[in-house]
């Protein structure tokens, strides 16, 4: 019985450690078309790439949100100071990752907007 309990606790420890190690992966930011030189087709491909990036970034933020929730739960259930500190550090890291993802998406949108304005200036209708 004691051996079974030790094995169970060991497996639980390994499983919880691997859940923290399984990182969420942020999407790669798309290349922006050069609005001064781009064709309409290149601008449309750029817009499509932005849309794909936004969808992938939303998935990434969902993953990070789950990690944040896990860190909150870990803080609440921690039984010693070391565990509390580790959980708080994970919470901080995932919160920063989430905020960076939002910032990256805003930057991508701004860059595309700038490219679009440049395209419209270079191609008045």
N, C-alpha and C. Protein backbone atom coordinates (compact mmCIF):
# COMPACT_ATOMS: atom_id res chain seq x y z
N UNK A 1 0.83 -1.19 0.00
CA UNK A 1 0.00 0.00 0.00
C UNK A 1 0.88 1.26 0.00
N UNK A 2 1.92 1.23 0.85
CA UNK A 2 2.81 2.39 0.93
C UNK A 2 3.50 2.61 -0.42
N UNK A 3 3.94 1.54 -1.06
CA UNK A 3 4.60 1.65 -2.36
C UNK A 3 3.63 2.22 -3.40
N UNK A 4 2.37 1.80 -3.37
CA UNK A 4 1.36 2.31 -4.30
C UNK A 4 1.17 3.81 -4.10
N UNK A 5 1.11 4.24 -2.85
CA UNK A 5 0.96 5.66 -2.54
C UNK A 5 2.16 6.46 -3.02
N UNK A 6 3.36 5.95 -2.82
CA UNK A 6 4.57 6.62 -3.28
C UNK A 6 4.57 6.73 -4.80
N UNK A 7 4.20 5.65 -5.49
CA UNK A 7 4.14 5.66 -6.95
C UNK A 7 3.10 6.66 -7.44
N UNK A 8 1.97 6.69 -6.81
CA UNK A 8 0.90 7.61 -7.18
C UNK A 8 1.36 9.06 -7.00
N UNK A 9 1.98 9.36 -5.88
CA UNK A 9 2.46 10.72 -5.63
C UNK A 9 3.56 11.11 -6.62
N UNK A 10 4.44 10.17 -6.93
CA UNK A 10 5.50 10.43 -7.91
C UNK A 10 4.89 10.75 -9.28
N UNK A 11 3.93 9.96 -9.73
CA UNK A 11 3.28 10.20 -11.03
C UNK A 11 2.53 11.53 -11.05
N UNK A 12 1.90 11.86 -9.95
CA UNK A 12 1.20 13.13 -9.86
C UNK A 12 2.17 14.30 -9.94
N UNK A 13 3.31 14.18 -9.29
CA UNK A 13 4.34 15.22 -9.35
C UNK A 13 4.85 15.38 -10.77
N UNK A 14 5.13 14.28 -11.44
CA UNK A 14 5.62 14.33 -12.82
C UNK A 14 4.57 14.96 -13.73
N UNK A 15 3.32 14.58 -13.56
CA UNK A 15 2.25 15.13 -14.41
C UNK A 15 2.08 16.62 -14.20
N UNK A 16 2.14 17.08 -12.97
CA UNK A 16 1.97 18.51 -12.72
C UNK A 16 3.18 19.29 -13.20
N UNK A 17 4.36 18.72 -13.12
CA UNK A 17 5.56 19.39 -13.62
C UNK A 17 5.50 19.53 -15.13
N UNK A 18 5.04 18.49 -15.81
CA UNK A 18 4.98 18.56 -17.26
C UNK A 18 3.93 19.55 -17.73
N UNK A 19 2.87 19.76 -16.95
CA UNK A 19 1.87 20.75 -17.36
C UNK A 19 2.45 22.15 -17.31
N UNK A 20 3.36 22.40 -16.37
CA UNK A 20 4.01 23.72 -16.34
C UNK A 20 5.03 23.84 -17.45
N UNK A 21 5.64 22.73 -17.83
CA UNK A 21 6.67 22.77 -18.86
C UNK A 21 6.07 22.90 -20.26
N UNK A 22 4.83 22.47 -20.41
CA UNK A 22 4.19 22.55 -21.72
C UNK A 22 3.80 24.00 -22.01
N UNK A 23 4.71 24.69 -22.68
CA UNK A 23 4.49 26.11 -22.95
C UNK A 23 3.54 26.31 -24.11
N UNK A 24 2.91 27.46 -24.08
CA UNK A 24 2.12 27.94 -25.21
C UNK A 24 3.11 28.61 -26.16
N UNK A 25 2.89 28.49 -27.44
CA UNK A 25 3.80 29.05 -28.41
C UNK A 25 3.16 30.21 -29.16
N UNK A 26 3.76 31.40 -29.05
CA UNK A 26 3.18 32.56 -29.75
C UNK A 26 3.36 32.42 -31.26
N UNK A 27 2.41 32.95 -32.02
CA UNK A 27 2.54 32.88 -33.47
C UNK A 27 3.62 33.84 -33.98
N UNK A 28 4.13 33.55 -35.14
CA UNK A 28 5.11 34.42 -35.79
C UNK A 28 4.37 35.58 -36.45
N UNK A 29 4.88 36.78 -36.23
CA UNK A 29 4.26 37.94 -36.84
C UNK A 29 4.44 37.89 -38.35
N UNK A 30 3.39 38.23 -39.10
CA UNK A 30 3.49 38.18 -40.55
C UNK A 30 4.31 39.34 -41.11
N UNK A 31 4.84 39.13 -42.31
CA UNK A 31 5.54 40.21 -43.01
C UNK A 31 4.50 41.18 -43.56
N UNK A 32 4.82 42.45 -43.45
CA UNK A 32 3.92 43.49 -43.94
C UNK A 32 4.25 43.83 -45.39
N UNK A 33 3.23 44.05 -46.20
CA UNK A 33 3.51 44.53 -47.55
C UNK A 33 3.99 45.98 -47.48
N UNK A 34 4.79 46.37 -48.44
CA UNK A 34 5.24 47.76 -48.54
C UNK A 34 4.16 48.52 -49.29
N UNK A 35 3.38 49.28 -48.56
CA UNK A 35 2.24 49.97 -49.14
C UNK A 35 2.58 50.90 -50.28
N UNK A 36 3.78 51.45 -50.28
CA UNK A 36 4.20 52.35 -51.36
C UNK A 36 4.38 51.60 -52.68
N UNK A 37 4.72 50.32 -52.62
CA UNK A 37 5.05 49.56 -53.83
C UNK A 37 4.13 48.37 -54.08
N UNK A 38 3.33 47.98 -53.10
CA UNK A 38 2.55 46.75 -53.18
C UNK A 38 1.41 46.86 -54.19
N UNK A 39 1.10 45.72 -54.79
CA UNK A 39 -0.09 45.63 -55.64
C UNK A 39 -1.31 45.37 -54.75
N UNK A 40 -2.47 45.48 -55.34
CA UNK A 40 -3.71 45.17 -54.60
C UNK A 40 -3.66 43.73 -54.12
N UNK A 41 -3.17 42.82 -54.97
CA UNK A 41 -3.08 41.41 -54.59
C UNK A 41 -2.16 41.22 -53.37
N UNK A 42 -1.03 41.92 -53.36
CA UNK A 42 -0.10 41.82 -52.22
C UNK A 42 -0.74 42.38 -50.95
N UNK A 43 -1.50 43.45 -51.08
CA UNK A 43 -2.19 44.02 -49.90
C UNK A 43 -3.25 43.04 -49.38
N UNK A 44 -3.96 42.40 -50.30
CA UNK A 44 -4.97 41.42 -49.87
C UNK A 44 -4.32 40.21 -49.21
N UNK A 45 -3.17 39.77 -49.74
CA UNK A 45 -2.45 38.67 -49.10
C UNK A 45 -1.97 39.09 -47.71
N UNK A 46 -1.52 40.34 -47.60
CA UNK A 46 -1.11 40.87 -46.30
C UNK A 46 -2.26 40.88 -45.31
N UNK A 47 -3.42 41.30 -45.79
CA UNK A 47 -4.61 41.33 -44.91
C UNK A 47 -4.98 39.92 -44.47
N UNK A 48 -4.86 38.97 -45.39
CA UNK A 48 -5.15 37.57 -45.05
C UNK A 48 -4.16 37.05 -44.01
N UNK A 49 -2.89 37.41 -44.18
CA UNK A 49 -1.87 36.99 -43.21
C UNK A 49 -2.15 37.59 -41.84
N UNK A 50 -2.62 38.84 -41.82
CA UNK A 50 -2.96 39.50 -40.55
C UNK A 50 -4.12 38.76 -39.88
N UNK A 51 -5.12 38.43 -40.67
CA UNK A 51 -6.29 37.71 -40.13
C UNK A 51 -5.87 36.36 -39.54
N UNK A 52 -5.01 35.64 -40.26
CA UNK A 52 -4.51 34.35 -39.75
C UNK A 52 -3.73 34.56 -38.46
N UNK A 53 -2.89 35.59 -38.43
CA UNK A 53 -2.09 35.90 -37.24
C UNK A 53 -3.01 36.21 -36.06
N UNK A 54 -4.03 37.00 -36.29
CA UNK A 54 -4.96 37.35 -35.20
C UNK A 54 -5.65 36.12 -34.66
N UNK A 55 -6.04 35.20 -35.54
CA UNK A 55 -6.69 33.96 -35.10
C UNK A 55 -5.71 33.11 -34.28
N UNK A 56 -4.48 32.98 -34.78
CA UNK A 56 -3.46 32.20 -34.05
C UNK A 56 -3.10 32.86 -32.72
N UNK A 57 -3.08 34.18 -32.71
CA UNK A 57 -2.77 34.90 -31.47
C UNK A 57 -3.89 34.74 -30.45
N UNK A 58 -5.13 34.69 -30.92
CA UNK A 58 -6.26 34.45 -30.00
C UNK A 58 -6.15 33.07 -29.37
N UNK A 59 -5.76 32.08 -30.17
CA UNK A 59 -5.55 30.73 -29.65
C UNK A 59 -4.42 30.73 -28.63
N UNK A 60 -3.35 31.44 -28.94
CA UNK A 60 -2.22 31.56 -28.01
C UNK A 60 -2.67 32.21 -26.70
N UNK A 61 -3.44 33.29 -26.79
CA UNK A 61 -3.91 33.97 -25.57
C UNK A 61 -4.82 33.07 -24.75
N UNK A 62 -5.62 32.25 -25.42
CA UNK A 62 -6.46 31.28 -24.70
C UNK A 62 -5.59 30.30 -23.92
N UNK A 63 -4.54 29.82 -24.56
CA UNK A 63 -3.61 28.90 -23.90
C UNK A 63 -2.96 29.58 -22.69
N UNK A 64 -2.51 30.81 -22.88
CA UNK A 64 -1.86 31.55 -21.80
C UNK A 64 -2.86 31.80 -20.67
N UNK A 65 -4.10 32.10 -21.01
CA UNK A 65 -5.13 32.31 -19.99
C UNK A 65 -5.31 31.07 -19.13
N UNK A 66 -5.24 29.90 -19.76
CA UNK A 66 -5.33 28.65 -19.00
C UNK A 66 -4.14 28.52 -18.04
N UNK A 67 -2.96 28.90 -18.51
CA UNK A 67 -1.76 28.84 -17.66
C UNK A 67 -1.88 29.81 -16.49
N UNK A 68 -2.45 30.97 -16.74
CA UNK A 68 -2.67 31.96 -15.67
C UNK A 68 -3.62 31.37 -14.63
N UNK A 69 -4.70 30.76 -15.10
CA UNK A 69 -5.67 30.15 -14.18
C UNK A 69 -5.03 29.03 -13.37
N UNK A 70 -4.18 28.23 -14.02
CA UNK A 70 -3.48 27.16 -13.30
C UNK A 70 -2.56 27.74 -12.23
N UNK A 71 -1.91 28.86 -12.56
CA UNK A 71 -1.01 29.48 -11.58
C UNK A 71 -1.80 30.02 -10.40
N UNK A 72 -2.96 30.60 -10.66
CA UNK A 72 -3.82 31.09 -9.56
C UNK A 72 -4.23 29.93 -8.67
N UNK A 73 -4.65 28.83 -9.28
CA UNK A 73 -5.02 27.64 -8.51
C UNK A 73 -3.83 27.11 -7.71
N UNK A 74 -2.65 27.14 -8.32
CA UNK A 74 -1.45 26.65 -7.63
C UNK A 74 -1.11 27.52 -6.42
N UNK A 75 -1.30 28.82 -6.56
CA UNK A 75 -1.05 29.72 -5.41
C UNK A 75 -2.02 29.37 -4.28
N UNK A 76 -3.28 29.18 -4.63
CA UNK A 76 -4.30 28.88 -3.62
C UNK A 76 -4.06 27.55 -2.91
N UNK A 77 -3.53 26.58 -3.66
CA UNK A 77 -3.38 25.24 -3.07
C UNK A 77 -1.97 24.95 -2.55
N UNK A 78 -1.08 25.90 -2.71
CA UNK A 78 0.31 25.67 -2.27
C UNK A 78 0.37 25.50 -0.76
N UNK A 79 1.24 24.57 -0.35
CA UNK A 79 1.32 24.26 1.08
C UNK A 79 2.57 24.81 1.74
N UNK A 80 3.49 25.36 0.94
CA UNK A 80 4.70 25.92 1.54
C UNK A 80 5.11 27.17 0.76
N UNK A 81 5.98 27.92 1.35
CA UNK A 81 6.39 29.21 0.77
C UNK A 81 7.06 29.04 -0.59
N UNK A 82 7.88 28.01 -0.74
CA UNK A 82 8.56 27.78 -2.02
C UNK A 82 7.55 27.55 -3.14
N UNK A 83 6.54 26.74 -2.86
CA UNK A 83 5.51 26.46 -3.86
C UNK A 83 4.71 27.72 -4.19
N UNK A 84 4.41 28.51 -3.18
CA UNK A 84 3.69 29.77 -3.40
C UNK A 84 4.52 30.68 -4.30
N UNK A 85 5.80 30.81 -4.00
CA UNK A 85 6.67 31.69 -4.79
C UNK A 85 6.80 31.21 -6.23
N UNK A 86 6.92 29.90 -6.43
CA UNK A 86 7.00 29.35 -7.79
C UNK A 86 5.71 29.63 -8.56
N UNK A 87 4.58 29.43 -7.90
CA UNK A 87 3.30 29.66 -8.55
C UNK A 87 3.12 31.14 -8.88
N UNK A 88 3.54 32.01 -7.97
CA UNK A 88 3.44 33.45 -8.24
C UNK A 88 4.36 33.85 -9.40
N UNK A 89 5.53 33.25 -9.45
CA UNK A 89 6.46 33.54 -10.56
C UNK A 89 5.87 33.08 -11.89
N UNK A 90 5.25 31.91 -11.89
CA UNK A 90 4.59 31.42 -13.11
C UNK A 90 3.44 32.35 -13.51
N UNK A 91 2.68 32.77 -12.52
CA UNK A 91 1.58 33.69 -12.80
C UNK A 91 2.10 34.97 -13.45
N UNK A 92 3.16 35.50 -12.89
CA UNK A 92 3.76 36.73 -13.43
C UNK A 92 4.24 36.52 -14.86
N UNK A 93 4.93 35.40 -15.08
CA UNK A 93 5.47 35.11 -16.42
C UNK A 93 4.36 34.97 -17.45
N UNK A 94 3.29 34.26 -17.10
CA UNK A 94 2.19 34.07 -18.05
C UNK A 94 1.41 35.36 -18.26
N UNK A 95 1.26 36.16 -17.22
CA UNK A 95 0.57 37.45 -17.38
C UNK A 95 1.37 38.36 -18.31
N UNK A 96 2.68 38.38 -18.15
CA UNK A 96 3.53 39.17 -19.05
C UNK A 96 3.44 38.65 -20.49
N UNK A 97 3.38 37.34 -20.65
CA UNK A 97 3.24 36.75 -21.98
C UNK A 97 1.92 37.16 -22.63
N UNK A 98 0.86 37.14 -21.84
CA UNK A 98 -0.45 37.54 -22.35
C UNK A 98 -0.42 39.01 -22.79
N UNK A 99 0.12 39.86 -21.92
CA UNK A 99 0.18 41.29 -22.25
C UNK A 99 1.04 41.54 -23.48
N UNK A 100 2.13 40.79 -23.62
CA UNK A 100 2.99 40.94 -24.80
C UNK A 100 2.25 40.52 -26.06
N UNK A 101 1.44 39.48 -25.98
CA UNK A 101 0.66 39.03 -27.14
C UNK A 101 -0.32 40.11 -27.58
N UNK A 102 -0.95 40.77 -26.62
CA UNK A 102 -1.87 41.86 -26.95
C UNK A 102 -1.10 43.00 -27.61
N UNK A 103 0.04 43.35 -27.03
CA UNK A 103 0.87 44.43 -27.57
C UNK A 103 1.35 44.09 -28.99
N UNK A 104 1.78 42.86 -29.20
CA UNK A 104 2.24 42.44 -30.53
C UNK A 104 1.12 42.57 -31.56
N UNK A 105 -0.07 42.17 -31.19
CA UNK A 105 -1.19 42.25 -32.13
C UNK A 105 -1.52 43.70 -32.46
N UNK A 106 -1.45 44.57 -31.46
CA UNK A 106 -1.68 45.99 -31.72
C UNK A 106 -0.62 46.55 -32.66
N UNK A 107 0.64 46.15 -32.46
CA UNK A 107 1.73 46.62 -33.33
C UNK A 107 1.54 46.13 -34.77
N UNK A 108 1.15 44.88 -34.94
CA UNK A 108 0.91 44.33 -36.27
C UNK A 108 -0.22 45.09 -36.96
N UNK A 109 -1.29 45.36 -36.23
CA UNK A 109 -2.41 46.10 -36.81
C UNK A 109 -1.98 47.51 -37.21
N UNK A 110 -1.20 48.14 -36.38
CA UNK A 110 -0.72 49.50 -36.68
C UNK A 110 0.17 49.49 -37.92
N UNK A 111 1.07 48.52 -38.02
CA UNK A 111 1.94 48.43 -39.19
C UNK A 111 1.13 48.23 -40.47
N UNK A 112 0.11 47.36 -40.38
CA UNK A 112 -0.71 47.14 -41.57
C UNK A 112 -1.51 48.39 -41.92
N UNK A 113 -2.02 49.07 -40.92
CA UNK A 113 -2.74 50.32 -41.17
C UNK A 113 -1.84 51.33 -41.87
N UNK A 114 -0.59 51.44 -41.41
CA UNK A 114 0.36 52.34 -42.05
C UNK A 114 0.61 51.93 -43.49
N UNK A 115 0.75 50.63 -43.74
CA UNK A 115 0.96 50.13 -45.10
C UNK A 115 -0.27 50.42 -45.96
N UNK A 116 -1.45 50.28 -45.39
CA UNK A 116 -2.68 50.55 -46.12
C UNK A 116 -2.80 52.03 -46.49
N UNK A 117 -2.46 52.91 -45.55
CA UNK A 117 -2.48 54.34 -45.85
C UNK A 117 -1.47 54.67 -46.94
N UNK A 118 -0.29 54.07 -46.89
CA UNK A 118 0.73 54.30 -47.91
C UNK A 118 0.24 53.78 -49.26
N UNK A 119 -0.43 52.62 -49.27
CA UNK A 119 -0.97 52.06 -50.51
C UNK A 119 -2.00 53.00 -51.11
N UNK A 120 -2.90 53.49 -50.28
CA UNK A 120 -3.95 54.40 -50.77
C UNK A 120 -3.35 55.71 -51.30
N UNK A 121 -2.30 56.20 -50.65
CA UNK A 121 -1.64 57.42 -51.11
C UNK A 121 -0.94 57.17 -52.46
N UNK A 122 -0.36 56.00 -52.62
CA UNK A 122 0.36 55.67 -53.86
C UNK A 122 -0.59 55.27 -54.99
N UNK A 123 -1.81 54.91 -54.63
CA UNK A 123 -2.80 54.43 -55.61
C UNK A 123 -4.13 55.14 -55.42
N UNK A 124 -4.17 56.46 -55.65
CA UNK A 124 -5.45 57.17 -55.46
C UNK A 124 -6.49 56.68 -56.48
N UNK A 125 -7.72 56.62 -56.05
CA UNK A 125 -8.74 56.11 -56.97
C UNK A 125 -9.49 57.19 -57.70
